[in-house]
Amino acid sequence: SWAMVPMMVSQCPMPCWPSSPVPGLSCHRTNQRVCSDAGDTQRDEHIKAMEEHGRIGWQKKTDYGLRSYIELAIQRYKGIIGNCMKARALPQQKTEAWISASALNRMTGLGMPAAVKI
C-alpha cells in the first residue's frame, strides 16, 4: 500500500504518466492500473478479472488467500523447529527437513484450533 511509503506523494521521484514507460507499472496518484501495450501478460489478465469480478471475486477465483496459508505454515515450521538446518551436507539436510515436516504434520494432525467466523 502506498500509505506505508515514508515519502510524501509530492516527493515522489517519478511523475505519474498517463501511459507508463515501465510495463506493468501502476499510477499511485490515481490508483490507475496500467496494462502493457500488447495486453497479453498474466498481469493484464488479472487486471481484467478484477475489473469484471471485483477485487474480492478475483481473490476467490484465483485462490489468492492460499499464499497466506503457506506463509503461516512456514512461520509455524520456523517457530517450532527452528530457523536453520543443523546438518551441513545436502542429503542430511533433506532427511532433517523430512523428519521436521513429519513431526509438524503429526502435531497439527493431533489437533488444530477450529476457527469460526462470527
N, C-alpha and C. Protein backbone atom coordinates (compact mmCIF):
# COMPACT_ATOMS: atom_id res chain seq x y z
N SER A 1 0.84 -1.17 0.00
CA SER A 1 0.00 0.00 0.00
C SER A 1 0.89 1.24 0.00
N TRP A 2 0.48 2.23 -0.74
CA TRP A 2 1.28 3.44 -0.84
C TRP A 2 1.21 4.27 0.42
N ALA A 3 0.24 4.00 1.30
CA ALA A 3 0.17 4.74 2.55
C ALA A 3 1.35 4.40 3.46
N MET A 4 1.96 3.24 3.24
CA MET A 4 3.07 2.81 4.07
C MET A 4 4.41 3.35 3.59
N VAL A 5 4.44 3.96 2.42
CA VAL A 5 5.67 4.52 1.89
C VAL A 5 5.99 5.77 2.69
N PRO A 6 7.23 5.90 3.21
CA PRO A 6 7.54 7.02 4.08
C PRO A 6 7.57 8.38 3.41
N MET A 7 7.81 8.44 2.11
CA MET A 7 7.89 9.74 1.47
C MET A 7 6.50 10.24 1.08
N MET A 8 6.39 11.53 0.97
CA MET A 8 5.12 12.14 0.57
C MET A 8 4.94 11.96 -0.93
N VAL A 9 3.69 12.02 -1.37
CA VAL A 9 3.40 11.86 -2.79
C VAL A 9 4.06 12.96 -3.61
N SER A 10 4.12 14.17 -3.07
CA SER A 10 4.74 15.27 -3.82
C SER A 10 6.25 15.07 -3.96
N GLN A 11 6.86 14.23 -3.10
CA GLN A 11 8.29 13.97 -3.17
C GLN A 11 8.61 12.78 -4.06
N CYS A 12 7.61 12.22 -4.67
CA CYS A 12 7.81 11.02 -5.48
C CYS A 12 8.81 11.32 -6.60
N PRO A 13 9.86 10.49 -6.75
CA PRO A 13 10.87 10.77 -7.76
C PRO A 13 10.39 10.55 -9.18
N MET A 14 9.29 9.82 -9.36
CA MET A 14 8.82 9.52 -10.70
C MET A 14 7.43 10.13 -10.89
N PRO A 15 7.26 11.03 -11.81
CA PRO A 15 5.94 11.60 -12.03
C PRO A 15 4.98 10.55 -12.58
N CYS A 16 3.70 10.83 -12.48
CA CYS A 16 2.69 9.88 -12.92
C CYS A 16 2.32 10.16 -14.38
N TRP A 17 2.76 9.28 -15.26
CA TRP A 17 2.47 9.43 -16.67
C TRP A 17 1.14 8.80 -17.01
N PRO A 18 0.39 9.35 -17.98
CA PRO A 18 -0.86 8.72 -18.40
C PRO A 18 -0.63 7.30 -18.90
N SER A 19 0.40 7.10 -19.70
CA SER A 19 0.76 5.74 -20.10
C SER A 19 2.17 5.51 -19.59
N SER A 20 2.31 4.56 -18.71
CA SER A 20 3.57 4.35 -18.00
C SER A 20 4.67 3.89 -18.94
N PRO A 21 5.90 4.42 -18.80
CA PRO A 21 7.01 3.97 -19.62
C PRO A 21 7.50 2.58 -19.21
N VAL A 22 7.20 2.17 -17.98
CA VAL A 22 7.61 0.85 -17.49
C VAL A 22 6.42 -0.08 -17.63
N PRO A 23 6.57 -1.22 -18.30
CA PRO A 23 5.44 -2.13 -18.47
C PRO A 23 4.94 -2.66 -17.13
N GLY A 24 3.63 -2.59 -16.93
CA GLY A 24 3.02 -3.13 -15.72
C GLY A 24 3.09 -2.21 -14.52
N LEU A 25 3.46 -0.94 -14.70
CA LEU A 25 3.57 -0.02 -13.58
C LEU A 25 2.21 0.59 -13.29
N SER A 26 1.90 0.77 -12.03
CA SER A 26 0.62 1.35 -11.64
C SER A 26 0.83 2.80 -11.23
N CYS A 27 -0.08 3.64 -11.59
CA CYS A 27 -0.02 5.05 -11.22
C CYS A 27 -0.54 5.19 -9.79
N HIS A 28 0.30 5.57 -8.86
CA HIS A 28 -0.10 5.62 -7.46
C HIS A 28 -0.95 6.84 -7.12
N ARG A 29 -0.92 7.87 -7.92
CA ARG A 29 -1.70 9.06 -7.59
C ARG A 29 -3.17 8.89 -7.93
N THR A 30 -3.45 8.19 -9.01
CA THR A 30 -4.85 8.00 -9.39
C THR A 30 -5.31 6.57 -9.16
N ASN A 31 -4.41 5.72 -8.67
CA ASN A 31 -4.68 4.30 -8.45
C ASN A 31 -5.14 3.63 -9.74
N GLN A 32 -4.65 4.13 -10.84
CA GLN A 32 -4.99 3.61 -12.16
C GLN A 32 -4.07 2.44 -12.48
N ARG A 33 -4.64 1.34 -12.95
CA ARG A 33 -3.83 0.20 -13.32
C ARG A 33 -3.44 0.35 -14.79
N VAL A 34 -2.16 0.26 -15.06
CA VAL A 34 -1.66 0.43 -16.41
C VAL A 34 -1.35 -0.94 -16.99
N CYS A 35 -1.94 -1.25 -18.14
CA CYS A 35 -1.69 -2.52 -18.81
C CYS A 35 -0.55 -2.36 -19.81
N SER A 36 -0.01 -3.49 -20.22
CA SER A 36 1.03 -3.45 -21.24
C SER A 36 0.39 -3.09 -22.58
N ASP A 37 1.21 -2.69 -23.52
CA ASP A 37 0.69 -2.30 -24.83
C ASP A 37 0.03 -3.47 -25.55
N ALA A 38 0.62 -4.66 -25.42
CA ALA A 38 0.06 -5.82 -26.11
C ALA A 38 -1.17 -6.36 -25.38
N GLY A 39 -1.22 -6.20 -24.06
CA GLY A 39 -2.37 -6.66 -23.29
C GLY A 39 -2.44 -8.16 -23.16
N ASP A 40 -1.29 -8.83 -23.24
CA ASP A 40 -1.31 -10.29 -23.22
C ASP A 40 -0.53 -10.89 -22.05
N THR A 41 -0.15 -10.10 -21.06
CA THR A 41 0.60 -10.64 -19.94
C THR A 41 -0.35 -11.21 -18.89
N GLN A 42 0.21 -11.98 -17.97
CA GLN A 42 -0.60 -12.55 -16.89
C GLN A 42 -1.17 -11.44 -16.03
N ARG A 43 -0.39 -10.38 -15.82
CA ARG A 43 -0.87 -9.25 -15.02
C ARG A 43 -2.08 -8.60 -15.68
N ASP A 44 -2.06 -8.48 -17.01
CA ASP A 44 -3.19 -7.89 -17.72
C ASP A 44 -4.45 -8.72 -17.54
N GLU A 45 -4.30 -10.04 -17.56
CA GLU A 45 -5.45 -10.92 -17.35
C GLU A 45 -6.02 -10.73 -15.94
N HIS A 46 -5.14 -10.57 -14.96
CA HIS A 46 -5.60 -10.35 -13.59
C HIS A 46 -6.30 -9.00 -13.45
N ILE A 47 -5.78 -7.99 -14.12
CA ILE A 47 -6.42 -6.67 -14.07
C ILE A 47 -7.82 -6.74 -14.68
N LYS A 48 -7.95 -7.42 -15.81
CA LYS A 48 -9.27 -7.56 -16.45
C LYS A 48 -10.22 -8.34 -15.56
N ALA A 49 -9.73 -9.39 -14.90
CA ALA A 49 -10.58 -10.17 -13.99
C ALA A 49 -11.02 -9.32 -12.80
N MET A 50 -10.13 -8.45 -12.30
CA MET A 50 -10.50 -7.56 -11.20
C MET A 50 -11.58 -6.58 -11.63
N GLU A 51 -11.47 -6.07 -12.84
CA GLU A 51 -12.47 -5.13 -13.32
C GLU A 51 -13.82 -5.81 -13.53
N GLU A 52 -13.80 -7.09 -13.95
CA GLU A 52 -15.05 -7.81 -14.19
C GLU A 52 -15.71 -8.29 -12.90
N HIS A 53 -14.91 -8.87 -12.00
CA HIS A 53 -15.48 -9.53 -10.82
C HIS A 53 -15.27 -8.76 -9.53
N GLY A 54 -14.49 -7.71 -9.55
CA GLY A 54 -14.14 -7.01 -8.32
C GLY A 54 -12.94 -7.67 -7.66
N ARG A 55 -12.34 -6.96 -6.71
CA ARG A 55 -11.13 -7.48 -6.09
C ARG A 55 -11.39 -8.74 -5.28
N ILE A 56 -12.46 -8.77 -4.51
CA ILE A 56 -12.77 -9.94 -3.68
C ILE A 56 -13.12 -11.13 -4.56
N GLY A 57 -13.89 -10.92 -5.61
CA GLY A 57 -14.22 -12.00 -6.54
C GLY A 57 -12.98 -12.55 -7.22
N TRP A 58 -12.06 -11.67 -7.57
CA TRP A 58 -10.80 -12.11 -8.19
C TRP A 58 -9.99 -12.94 -7.21
N GLN A 59 -9.96 -12.51 -5.94
CA GLN A 59 -9.20 -13.25 -4.94
C GLN A 59 -9.77 -14.66 -4.76
N LYS A 60 -11.08 -14.79 -4.75
CA LYS A 60 -11.69 -16.11 -4.61
C LYS A 60 -11.45 -16.97 -5.84
N LYS A 61 -11.50 -16.35 -7.01
CA LYS A 61 -11.32 -17.09 -8.26
C LYS A 61 -9.90 -17.61 -8.42
N THR A 62 -8.91 -16.86 -7.97
CA THR A 62 -7.52 -17.24 -8.16
C THR A 62 -6.89 -17.85 -6.92
N ASP A 63 -7.67 -18.13 -5.89
CA ASP A 63 -7.13 -18.67 -4.63
C ASP A 63 -6.01 -17.79 -4.08
N TYR A 64 -6.25 -16.49 -4.05
CA TYR A 64 -5.25 -15.53 -3.62
C TYR A 64 -4.85 -15.76 -2.15
N GLY A 65 -5.79 -16.19 -1.32
CA GLY A 65 -5.52 -16.40 0.11
C GLY A 65 -4.64 -17.60 0.38
N LEU A 66 -4.40 -18.44 -0.62
CA LEU A 66 -3.55 -19.61 -0.44
C LEU A 66 -2.15 -19.22 0.00
N ARG A 67 -1.69 -18.09 -0.47
CA ARG A 67 -0.34 -17.62 -0.11
C ARG A 67 -0.25 -17.40 1.40
N SER A 68 -1.28 -16.83 2.02
CA SER A 68 -1.23 -16.59 3.46
C SER A 68 -1.20 -17.91 4.23
N TYR A 69 -1.88 -18.94 3.73
CA TYR A 69 -1.84 -20.25 4.38
C TYR A 69 -0.43 -20.83 4.31
N ILE A 70 0.22 -20.66 3.18
CA ILE A 70 1.59 -21.17 3.02
C ILE A 70 2.54 -20.41 3.92
N GLU A 71 2.40 -19.08 3.98
CA GLU A 71 3.25 -18.28 4.85
C GLU A 71 3.05 -18.66 6.31
N LEU A 72 1.81 -18.95 6.70
CA LEU A 72 1.52 -19.36 8.07
C LEU A 72 2.18 -20.71 8.38
N ALA A 73 2.14 -21.64 7.41
CA ALA A 73 2.77 -22.94 7.62
C ALA A 73 4.28 -22.79 7.79
N ILE A 74 4.90 -21.94 7.01
CA ILE A 74 6.34 -21.72 7.13
C ILE A 74 6.68 -21.04 8.45
N GLN A 75 5.85 -20.10 8.86
CA GLN A 75 6.06 -19.43 10.14
C GLN A 75 5.93 -20.43 11.28
N ARG A 76 4.95 -21.31 11.21
CA ARG A 76 4.76 -22.34 12.23
C ARG A 76 5.97 -23.28 12.26
N TYR A 77 6.45 -23.68 11.09
CA TYR A 77 7.62 -24.56 10.99
C TYR A 77 8.84 -23.91 11.65
N LYS A 78 9.11 -22.64 11.31
CA LYS A 78 10.28 -21.96 11.85
C LYS A 78 10.15 -21.72 13.35
N GLY A 79 8.92 -21.47 13.81
CA GLY A 79 8.72 -21.23 15.24
C GLY A 79 8.92 -22.48 16.07
N ILE A 80 8.51 -23.63 15.56
CA ILE A 80 8.60 -24.87 16.32
C ILE A 80 9.94 -25.56 16.09
N ILE A 81 10.34 -25.72 14.85
CA ILE A 81 11.53 -26.48 14.51
C ILE A 81 12.79 -25.62 14.61
N GLY A 82 12.73 -24.42 14.12
CA GLY A 82 13.91 -23.55 14.14
C GLY A 82 14.09 -22.89 12.79
N ASN A 83 14.94 -21.90 12.77
CA ASN A 83 15.12 -21.08 11.58
C ASN A 83 16.20 -21.62 10.64
N CYS A 84 17.03 -22.53 11.11
CA CYS A 84 18.12 -23.01 10.27
C CYS A 84 18.30 -24.51 10.44
N MET A 85 19.00 -25.10 9.47
CA MET A 85 19.29 -26.53 9.50
C MET A 85 20.52 -26.78 10.37
N LYS A 86 20.54 -27.95 10.99
CA LYS A 86 21.70 -28.33 11.80
C LYS A 86 22.70 -29.12 10.95
N ALA A 87 22.21 -29.88 9.97
CA ALA A 87 23.07 -30.70 9.13
C ALA A 87 23.80 -29.81 8.12
N ARG A 88 24.98 -30.27 7.70
CA ARG A 88 25.78 -29.50 6.76
C ARG A 88 25.66 -29.98 5.32
N ALA A 89 25.61 -31.27 5.11
CA ALA A 89 25.57 -31.82 3.76
C ALA A 89 24.12 -31.90 3.28
N LEU A 90 23.93 -31.80 1.97
CA LEU A 90 22.59 -31.76 1.39
C LEU A 90 21.76 -33.01 1.67
N PRO A 91 22.29 -34.23 1.56
CA PRO A 91 21.45 -35.40 1.87
C PRO A 91 20.95 -35.40 3.31
N GLN A 92 21.80 -35.00 4.24
CA GLN A 92 21.37 -34.94 5.64
C GLN A 92 20.37 -33.80 5.86
N GLN A 93 20.51 -32.70 5.11
CA GLN A 93 19.54 -31.61 5.23
C GLN A 93 18.17 -32.06 4.73
N LYS A 94 18.16 -32.85 3.65
CA LYS A 94 16.89 -33.37 3.14
C LYS A 94 16.24 -34.27 4.16
N THR A 95 17.01 -35.12 4.80
CA THR A 95 16.47 -36.01 5.84
C THR A 95 15.97 -35.20 7.02
N GLU A 96 16.73 -34.19 7.42
CA GLU A 96 16.32 -33.33 8.54
C GLU A 96 15.01 -32.61 8.23
N ALA A 97 14.86 -32.09 7.01
CA ALA A 97 13.63 -31.40 6.63
C ALA A 97 12.46 -32.38 6.60
N TRP A 98 12.69 -33.60 6.12
CA TRP A 98 11.62 -34.60 6.06
C TRP A 98 11.17 -34.98 7.46
N ILE A 99 12.11 -35.18 8.39
CA ILE A 99 11.77 -35.52 9.77
C ILE A 99 11.03 -34.36 10.44
N SER A 100 11.51 -33.15 10.22
CA SER A 100 10.88 -31.97 10.82
C SER A 100 9.45 -31.78 10.30
N ALA A 101 9.27 -31.93 8.99
CA ALA A 101 7.93 -31.78 8.41
C ALA A 101 7.00 -32.88 8.90
N SER A 102 7.53 -34.11 9.03
CA SER A 102 6.71 -35.21 9.55
C SER A 102 6.27 -34.94 10.98
N ALA A 103 7.20 -34.43 11.80
CA ALA A 103 6.86 -34.11 13.19
C ALA A 103 5.81 -33.00 13.24
N LEU A 104 5.96 -31.99 12.42
CA LEU A 104 5.00 -30.89 12.40
C LEU A 104 3.63 -31.37 11.92
N ASN A 105 3.61 -32.23 10.91
CA ASN A 105 2.34 -32.79 10.43
C ASN A 105 1.66 -33.61 11.51
N ARG A 106 2.45 -34.35 12.28
CA ARG A 106 1.86 -35.15 13.35
C ARG A 106 1.27 -34.25 14.43
N MET A 107 1.99 -33.17 14.76
CA MET A 107 1.48 -32.23 15.78
C MET A 107 0.19 -31.56 15.31
N THR A 108 0.15 -31.13 14.07
CA THR A 108 -1.06 -30.47 13.58
C THR A 108 -2.19 -31.48 13.38
N GLY A 109 -1.83 -32.76 13.13
CA GLY A 109 -2.85 -33.80 13.00
C GLY A 109 -3.53 -34.12 14.31
N LEU A 110 -2.83 -33.89 15.42
CA LEU A 110 -3.42 -34.16 16.74
C LEU A 110 -4.53 -33.17 17.05
N GLY A 111 -4.41 -31.98 16.55
CA GLY A 111 -5.47 -31.02 16.78
C GLY A 111 -5.08 -29.62 16.42
N MET A 112 -5.92 -29.00 15.65
CA MET A 112 -5.75 -27.60 15.29
C MET A 112 -6.96 -26.84 15.83
N PRO A 113 -6.78 -25.61 16.22
CA PRO A 113 -7.93 -24.84 16.71
C PRO A 113 -8.96 -24.65 15.58
N ALA A 114 -10.20 -24.81 15.94
CA ALA A 114 -11.27 -24.61 14.96
C ALA A 114 -11.68 -23.14 15.00
N ALA A 115 -11.46 -22.44 13.88
CA ALA A 115 -11.83 -21.03 13.78
C ALA A 115 -13.23 -20.93 13.22
N VAL A 116 -14.07 -20.15 13.90
CA VAL A 116 -15.45 -19.96 13.46
C VAL A 116 -15.67 -18.48 13.25
N LYS A 117 -16.19 -18.13 12.09
CA LYS A 117 -16.45 -16.72 11.78
C LYS A 117 -17.72 -16.29 12.50
N ILE A 118 -17.62 -15.19 13.21
CA ILE A 118 -18.77 -14.69 13.99
C ILE A 118 -19.40 -13.52 13.28
